[in-house]
C-alpha atoms as a PDB file:
ATOM      1  CA  MET A   1     -14.822   8.071   9.241  1.00  0.00           C
ATOM      2  CA  ASP A   2     -16.335   5.029   7.515  1.00  0.00           C
ATOM      3  CA  GLY A   3     -19.751   3.490   8.070  1.00  0.00           C
ATOM      4  CA  LEU A   4     -18.493   0.671  10.234  1.00  0.00           C
ATOM      5  CA  GLU A   5     -16.830   2.997  12.733  1.00  0.00           C
ATOM      6  CA  LEU A   6     -19.988   5.136  12.901  1.00  0.00           C
ATOM      7  CA  LEU A   7     -22.046   2.058  13.674  1.00  0.00           C
ATOM      8  CA  LYS A   8     -19.665   1.099  16.477  1.00  0.00           C
ATOM      9  CA  LYS A   9     -19.905   4.541  18.049  1.00  0.00           C
ATOM     10  CA  ASP A  10     -23.681   4.404  17.744  1.00  0.00           C
ATOM     11  CA  TRP A  11     -23.756   1.039  19.503  1.00  0.00           C
ATOM     12  CA  LYS A  12     -21.727   2.414  22.413  1.00  0.00           C
ATOM     13  CA  LYS A  13     -23.996   5.450  22.790  1.00  0.00           C
ATOM     14  CA  GLN A  14     -27.338   3.721  22.510  1.00  0.00           C
ATOM     15  CA  GLY A  15     -26.545   0.372  24.038  1.00  0.00           C
ATOM     16  CA  ASP A  16     -29.283  -2.186  23.529  1.00  0.00           C
ATOM     17  CA  ARG A  17     -31.889   0.209  22.170  1.00  0.00           C
ATOM     18  CA  LEU A  18     -30.807  -0.479  18.588  1.00  0.00           C
ATOM     19  CA  PRO A  19     -30.460  -3.950  17.046  1.00  0.00           C
ATOM     20  CA  ARG A  20     -26.824  -4.979  16.795  1.00  0.00           C
ATOM     21  CA  LEU A  21     -25.394  -6.279  13.548  1.00  0.00           C
ATOM     22  CA  THR A  22     -24.466  -9.927  13.522  1.00  0.00           C
ATOM     23  CA  TYR A  23     -20.992 -11.292  12.752  1.00  0.00           C
ATOM     24  CA  ASP A  24     -22.102 -12.216   9.224  1.00  0.00           C
ATOM     25  CA  GLU A  25     -23.543  -8.769   8.563  1.00  0.00           C
ATOM     26  CA  ILE A  26     -20.334  -7.023   9.660  1.00  0.00           C
ATOM     27  CA  TYR A  27     -18.254  -9.488   7.652  1.00  0.00           C
ATOM     28  CA  LYS A  28     -20.325  -8.841   4.529  1.00  0.00           C
ATOM     29  CA  MET A  29     -19.833  -5.090   4.946  1.00  0.00           C
ATOM     30  CA  ILE A  30     -16.049  -5.497   5.165  1.00  0.00           C
ATOM     31  CA  LEU A  31     -16.069  -7.971   2.283  1.00  0.00           C
ATOM     32  CA  LYS A  32     -18.016  -5.602   0.035  1.00  0.00           C
ATOM     33  CA  ARG A  33     -15.776  -2.690   0.928  1.00  0.00           C
ATOM     34  CA  SER A  34     -12.578  -4.707   0.357  1.00  0.00           C
ATOM     35  CA  SER A  35     -13.843  -6.054  -2.957  1.00  0.00           C
ATOM     36  CA  SER A  36     -14.609  -2.516  -4.127  1.00  0.00           C
ATOM     37  CA  ILE A  37     -11.106  -1.295  -3.185  1.00  0.00           C
ATOM     38  CA  VAL A  38      -9.374  -4.147  -5.025  1.00  0.00           C
ATOM     39  CA  LYS A  39     -11.581  -3.569  -8.064  1.00  0.00           C
ATOM     40  CA  TRP A  40     -10.473   0.069  -8.132  1.00  0.00           C
ATOM     41  CA  ILE A  41      -6.823  -0.972  -7.847  1.00  0.00           C
ATOM     42  CA  PHE A  42      -7.314  -3.116 -10.964  1.00  0.00           C
ATOM     43  CA  ILE A  43      -9.150  -0.344 -12.851  1.00  0.00           C
ATOM     44  CA  ILE A  44      -6.598   2.344 -11.933  1.00  0.00           C
ATOM     45  CA  SER A  45      -3.682   0.138 -13.012  1.00  0.00           C
ATOM     46  CA  LEU A  46      -5.332  -0.269 -16.445  1.00  0.00           C
ATOM     47  CA  LEU A  47      -5.989   3.479 -16.694  1.00  0.00           C
ATOM     48  CA  GLU A  48      -2.381   4.171 -15.748  1.00  0.00           C
ATOM     49  CA  PHE A  49      -1.179   1.792 -18.481  1.00  0.00           C
ATOM     50  CA  ALA A  50      -3.466   3.474 -21.020  1.00  0.00           C
ATOM     51  CA  PHE A  51      -2.163   6.905 -19.971  1.00  0.00           C
ATOM     52  CA  TRP A  52       1.516   5.996 -20.443  1.00  0.00           C
ATOM     53  CA  THR A  53       0.730   4.255 -23.734  1.00  0.00           C
ATOM     54  CA  LEU A  54      -0.962   7.449 -24.957  1.00  0.00           C
ATOM     55  CA  ILE A  55       2.031   9.540 -23.854  1.00  0.00           C
ATOM     56  CA  SER A  56       4.380   7.202 -25.747  1.00  0.00           C
ATOM     57  CA  PHE A  57       2.225   7.473 -28.858  1.00  0.00           C
ATOM     58  CA  LEU A  58       2.151  11.298 -28.663  1.00  0.00           C
ATOM     59  CA  MET A  59       5.940  11.412 -28.271  1.00  0.00           C
ATOM     60  CA  LYS A  60       6.559   9.084 -31.196  1.00  0.00           C
ATOM     61  CA  ASP A  61       7.409  11.856 -33.683  1.00  0.00           C
ATOM     62  CA  THR A  62       9.325  14.106 -31.298  1.00  0.00           C
ATOM     63  CA  GLU A  63      12.987  14.951 -31.850  1.00  0.00           C
ATOM     64  CA  ALA A  64      14.125  12.752 -28.960  1.00  0.00           C
ATOM     65  CA  MET A  65      12.334   9.670 -30.335  1.00  0.00           C
ATOM     66  CA  THR A  66      13.636  10.401 -33.835  1.00  0.00           C
ATOM     67  CA  ARG A  67      17.176  10.298 -32.459  1.00  0.00           C
ATOM     68  CA  PHE A  68      16.449   6.826 -31.081  1.00  0.00           C
ATOM     69  CA  ASP A  69      15.144   5.671 -34.450  1.00  0.00           C
ATOM     70  CA  THR A  70      18.446   6.611 -36.074  1.00  0.00           C
ATOM     71  CA  ALA A  71      20.431   4.820 -33.359  1.00  0.00           C
ATOM     72  CA  ASP A  72      19.523   1.372 -34.747  1.00  0.00           C
ATOM     73  CA  ALA A  73      18.970  -0.077 -31.279  1.00  0.00           C
ATOM     74  CA  ASN A  74      15.803  -2.090 -31.918  1.00  0.00           C
ATOM     75  CA  HIS A  75      17.626  -5.290 -30.937  1.00  0.00           C
ATOM     76  CA  ILE A  76      17.754  -3.847 -27.391  1.00  0.00           C
ATOM     77  CA  LEU A  77      14.617  -1.713 -27.178  1.00  0.00           C
ATOM     78  CA  ILE A  78      12.140  -4.197 -28.661  1.00  0.00           C
ATOM     79  CA  PRO A  79      13.013  -7.102 -26.283  1.00  0.00           C
ATOM     80  CA  MET A  80      12.927  -4.682 -23.325  1.00  0.00           C
ATOM     81  CA  SER A  81       9.511  -3.402 -24.391  1.00  0.00           C
ATOM     82  CA  ILE A  82       8.135  -6.914 -24.885  1.00  0.00           C
ATOM     83  CA  LEU A  83       9.452  -8.016 -21.480  1.00  0.00           C
ATOM     84  CA  GLY A  84       7.958  -4.925 -19.836  1.00  0.00           C
ATOM     85  CA  TYR A  85       4.537  -5.490 -21.420  1.00  0.00           C
ATOM     86  CA  MET A  86       4.584  -9.166 -20.436  1.00  0.00           C
ATOM     87  CA  ILE A  87       5.342  -8.352 -16.798  1.00  0.00           C
ATOM     88  CA  LEU A  88       2.683  -5.627 -16.732  1.00  0.00           C
ATOM     89  CA  ALA A  89       0.152  -8.047 -18.237  1.00  0.00           C
ATOM     90  CA  TYR A  90       1.015 -10.495 -15.458  1.00  0.00           C
ATOM     91  CA  PHE A  91       0.386  -7.829 -12.806  1.00  0.00           C
ATOM     92  CA  PHE A  92      -2.965  -6.955 -14.404  1.00  0.00           C
ATOM     93  CA  TYR A  93      -3.858 -10.636 -14.219  1.00  0.00           C
ATOM     94  CA  LEU A  94      -2.852 -10.722 -10.533  1.00  0.00           C
ATOM     95  CA  PHE A  95      -4.967  -7.642  -9.755  1.00  0.00           C
ATOM     96  CA  PHE A  96      -7.969  -9.163 -11.502  1.00  0.00           C
ATOM     97  CA  ARG A  97      -7.433 -12.516  -9.791  1.00  0.00           C
ATOM     98  CA  ASN A  98      -7.196 -10.802  -6.397  1.00  0.00           C
ATOM     99  CA  TYR A  99     -10.470  -9.018  -7.094  1.00  0.00           C
ATOM    100  CA  ARG A 100     -12.236 -12.222  -8.147  1.00  0.00           C
ATOM    101  CA  THR A 101     -10.821 -14.134  -5.173  1.00  0.00           C
ATOM    102  CA  ILE A 102     -11.844 -11.518  -2.614  1.00  0.00           C
ATOM    103  CA  SER A 103     -15.318 -11.231  -4.141  1.00  0.00           C
ATOM    104  CA  VAL A 104     -16.094 -14.885  -3.395  1.00  0.00           C
ATOM    105  CA  THR A 105     -14.255 -15.226  -0.076  1.00  0.00           C
ATOM    106  CA  ASP A 106     -16.485 -16.893   2.503  1.00  0.00           C
ATOM    107  CA  ASN A 107     -14.643 -16.413   5.822  1.00  0.00           C
ATOM    108  CA  ALA A 108     -12.641 -13.775   7.662  1.00  0.00           C
ATOM    109  CA  LYS A 109      -9.343 -15.692   7.737  1.00  0.00           C
ATOM    110  CA  LYS A 110      -9.261 -16.151   3.960  1.00  0.00           C
ATOM    111  CA  LEU A 111     -10.274 -12.543   3.426  1.00  0.00           C
ATOM    112  CA  MET A 112      -7.356 -11.387   5.594  1.00  0.00           C
ATOM    113  CA  GLU A 113      -4.991 -13.585   3.564  1.00  0.00           C
ATOM    114  CA  ASN A 114      -6.346 -12.130   0.323  1.00  0.00           C
ATOM    115  CA  ILE A 115      -5.946  -8.577   1.619  1.00  0.00           C
ATOM    116  CA  LEU A 116      -2.304  -9.290   2.498  1.00  0.00           C
ATOM    117  CA  ARG A 117      -1.774 -10.819  -0.953  1.00  0.00           C
ATOM    118  CA  THR A 118      -3.252  -7.736  -2.618  1.00  0.00           C
ATOM    119  CA  ARG A 119      -1.036  -5.410  -0.590  1.00  0.00           C
ATOM    120  CA  ARG A 120       2.014  -7.451  -1.582  1.00  0.00           C
ATOM    121  CA  THR A 121       1.018  -7.412  -5.265  1.00  0.00           C
ATOM    122  CA  VAL A 122       0.607  -3.615  -5.288  1.00  0.00           C
ATOM    123  CA  LYS A 123       4.010  -3.092  -3.656  1.00  0.00           C
ATOM    124  CA  GLN A 124       5.648  -5.434  -6.182  1.00  0.00           C
ATOM    125  CA  TYR A 125       3.902  -3.592  -9.023  1.00  0.00           C
ATOM    126  CA  VAL A 126       5.163  -0.209  -7.813  1.00  0.00           C
ATOM    127  CA  ALA A 127       8.687  -1.589  -7.316  1.00  0.00           C
ATOM    128  CA  PHE A 128       8.727  -3.084 -10.821  1.00  0.00           C
ATOM    129  CA  ASN A 129       7.650   0.188 -12.438  1.00  0.00           C
ATOM    130  CA  LEU A 130      10.359   2.163 -10.652  1.00  0.00           C
ATOM    131  CA  ILE A 131      13.101  -0.407 -11.344  1.00  0.00           C
ATOM    132  CA  TYR A 132      12.072  -0.653 -14.995  1.00  0.00           C
ATOM    133  CA  LEU A 133      12.139   3.145 -15.303  1.00  0.00           C
ATOM    134  CA  PHE A 134      15.636   3.266 -13.780  1.00  0.00           C
ATOM    135  CA  ILE A 135      17.022   0.513 -16.027  1.00  0.00           C
ATOM    136  CA  SER A 136      15.380   1.767 -19.229  1.00  0.00           C
ATOM    137  CA  THR A 137      16.637   5.319 -18.581  1.00  0.00           C
ATOM    138  CA  PHE A 138      20.264   4.211 -18.392  1.00  0.00           C
ATOM    139  CA  VAL A 139      19.869   1.821 -21.318  1.00  0.00           C
ATOM    140  CA  ALA A 140      18.548   4.754 -23.366  1.00  0.00           C
ATOM    141  CA  LEU A 141      21.400   6.935 -22.131  1.00  0.00           C
ATOM    142  CA  GLY A 142      23.930   4.300 -23.152  1.00  0.00           C
ATOM    143  CA  ILE A 143      22.393   4.040 -26.624  1.00  0.00           C
ATOM    144  CA  LEU A 144      22.525   7.806 -27.111  1.00  0.00           C
ATOM    145  CA  MET A 145      26.119   7.991 -25.896  1.00  0.00           C
ATOM    146  CA  GLN A 146      27.187   5.362 -28.407  1.00  0.00           C
ATOM    147  CA  SER A 147      25.038   6.244 -31.416  1.00  0.00           C
ATOM    148  CA  ASP A 148      23.843   9.847 -31.238  1.00  0.00           C
ATOM    149  CA  THR A 149      25.683  12.154 -33.647  1.00  0.00           C
ATOM    150  CA  GLU A 150      25.143  15.263 -31.507  1.00  0.00           C
ATOM    151  CA  PHE A 151      26.638  13.589 -28.452  1.00  0.00           C
ATOM    152  CA  SER A 152      29.547  12.264 -30.535  1.00  0.00           C
ATOM    153  CA  SER A 153      30.274  15.780 -31.791  1.00  0.00           C
ATOM    154  CA  MET A 154      30.188  17.093 -28.245  1.00  0.00           C
ATOM    155  CA  LEU A 155      32.606  14.354 -27.163  1.00  0.00           C
ATOM    156  CA  GLU A 156      35.018  15.201 -29.983  1.00  0.00           C
ATOM    157  CA  LYS A 157      35.039  18.829 -28.927  1.00  0.00           C
ATOM    158  CA  ALA A 158      35.491  17.843 -25.289  1.00  0.00           C
ATOM    159  CA  ALA A 159      38.366  15.502 -26.223  1.00  0.00           C
ATOM    160  CA  ALA A 160      40.140  18.376 -27.945  1.00  0.00           C
ATOM    161  CA  ASP A 161      39.804  20.399 -24.721  1.00  0.00           C
ATOM    162  CA  GLY A 162      40.651  17.457 -22.449  1.00  0.00           C
ATOM    163  CA  GLU A 163      37.200  17.469 -20.829  1.00  0.00           C
ATOM    164  CA  VAL A 164      35.754  14.086 -21.849  1.00  0.00           C
ATOM    165  CA  PHE A 165      35.321  12.984 -18.237  1.00  0.00           C
ATOM    166  CA  LYS A 166      33.499  16.230 -17.463  1.00  0.00           C
ATOM    167  CA  VAL A 167      31.013  15.650 -20.308  1.00  0.00           C
ATOM    168  CA  TYR A 168      30.255  12.105 -19.127  1.00  0.00           C
ATOM    169  CA  ALA A 169      29.989  13.201 -15.492  1.00  0.00           C
ATOM    170  CA  VAL A 170      27.640  16.112 -16.251  1.00  0.00           C
ATOM    171  CA  THR A 171      25.473  13.931 -18.523  1.00  0.00           C
ATOM    172  CA  ILE A 172      25.124  11.208 -15.887  1.00  0.00           C
ATOM    173  CA  LEU A 173      24.467  13.697 -13.068  1.00  0.00           C
ATOM    174  CA  VAL A 174      21.798  15.524 -15.080  1.00  0.00           C
ATOM    175  CA  THR A 175      20.199  12.164 -15.935  1.00  0.00           C
ATOM    176  CA  LEU A 176      20.227  11.118 -12.264  1.00  0.00           C
ATOM    177  CA  PHE A 177      18.661  14.424 -11.223  1.00  0.00           C
ATOM    178  CA  ALA A 178      15.908  14.164 -13.855  1.00  0.00           C
ATOM    179  CA  LEU A 179      15.347  10.535 -12.884  1.00  0.00           C
ATOM    180  CA  ALA A 180      15.105  11.436  -9.194  1.00  0.00           C
ATOM    181  CA  VAL A 181      12.493  14.103  -9.982  1.00  0.00           C
ATOM    182  CA  ALA A 182      10.517  11.656 -12.156  1.00  0.00           C
ATOM    183  CA  ILE A 183      10.648   8.937  -9.489  1.00  0.00           C
ATOM    184  CA  GLY A 184       9.580  11.460  -6.842  1.00  0.00           C
ATOM    185  CA  LEU A 185       6.554  12.501  -8.901  1.00  0.00           C
ATOM    186  CA  ILE A 186       5.620   8.883  -9.631  1.00  0.00           C
ATOM    187  CA  LEU A 187       5.947   7.944  -5.953  1.00  0.00           C
ATOM    188  CA  ALA A 188       3.739  10.897  -5.025  1.00  0.00           C
ATOM    189  CA  PHE A 189       1.139   9.693  -7.539  1.00  0.00           C
ATOM    190  CA  TYR A 190       1.341   6.135  -6.223  1.00  0.00           C
ATOM    191  CA  TYR A 191       1.008   7.346  -2.642  1.00  0.00           C
ATOM    192  CA  LEU A 192      -2.040   9.460  -3.447  1.00  0.00           C
ATOM    193  CA  ILE A 193      -3.771   6.685  -5.401  1.00  0.00           C
ATOM    194  CA  TYR A 194      -2.560   3.226  -4.411  1.00  0.00           C
ATOM    195  CA  GLY A 195      -1.349   4.367  -0.983  1.00  0.00           C
ATOM    196  CA  LEU A 196      -4.764   5.660   0.036  1.00  0.00           C
ATOM    197  CA  LEU A 197      -6.485   2.541  -1.288  1.00  0.00           C
ATOM    198  CA  LEU A 198      -4.048   0.311   0.607  1.00  0.00           C
ATOM    199  CA  LYS A 199      -4.607   2.376   3.748  1.00  0.00           C
ATOM    200  CA  ARG A 200      -8.327   1.686   3.515  1.00  0.00           C
ATOM    201  CA  LEU A 201      -7.564  -1.964   2.860  1.00  0.00           C
ATOM    202  CA  ASN A 202      -5.348  -2.041   5.966  1.00  0.00           C
ATOM    203  CA  LEU A 203      -8.245  -0.657   8.022  1.00  0.00           C
ATOM    204  CA  ASN A 204     -10.404  -3.497   6.763  1.00  0.00           C
ATOM    205  CA  TYR A 205      -7.680  -5.967   7.711  1.00  0.00           C
ATOM    206  CA  ARG A 206      -7.525  -4.618  11.267  1.00  0.00           C
ATOM    207  CA  GLU A 207     -11.313  -4.771  11.556  1.00  0.00           C
ATOM    208  CA  LEU A 208     -11.228  -8.393  10.427  1.00  0.00           C
ATOM    209  CA  LYS A 209      -8.593  -9.243  13.029  1.00  0.00           C
ATOM    210  CA  LYS A 210     -10.836  -7.789  15.731  1.00  0.00           C
ATOM    211  CA  LEU A 211     -13.796  -9.666  14.271  1.00  0.00           C
ATOM    212  CA  ASP A 212     -11.903 -12.936  14.150  1.00  0.00           C
ATOM    213  CA  THR A 213     -10.695 -12.796  17.754  1.00  0.00           C
END
């Protein structure tokens, strides 16, 4: 239970014996709490980006990445990477702007609008990451199917046995299963981090609605 709810319960129990907080004092409490939440959303998004960048760097010399290097697909991968970084940079800007905007908000109505905007930005950010993961996975799969020597050898053997369709079907199904597991883990992470922060932000929004009525 947060401090604001404790204060409300205390008011009900002790009536007029304790001084009641004014509208401005309650508003400042909610403003400070909301600003802190949005700041953490911005910080966590940067930490998440740094984490995945580190993972990519550590995987650079692995066998799987080496197979991509020999596929000569930079004309596809580089534009996709640039586009992804540009969109992520835009989301980081939006998170920072939301934090700055909320920090200087001077009335409850604007603060509620900024909270709704922040919620919408986080949901769009999560959706982009999942869609980008889905698209990039199948782009990578397509590149490997066309250019990877090991997969080509497997296809030749399957063609001799009349099982080409089976090879493609198994490859796609395994990819979908791995992708579903990855998306499930990412969604669990987002729920635990961004979901909890948004839940607290929603509580602030409801408190503001009560305050503004």
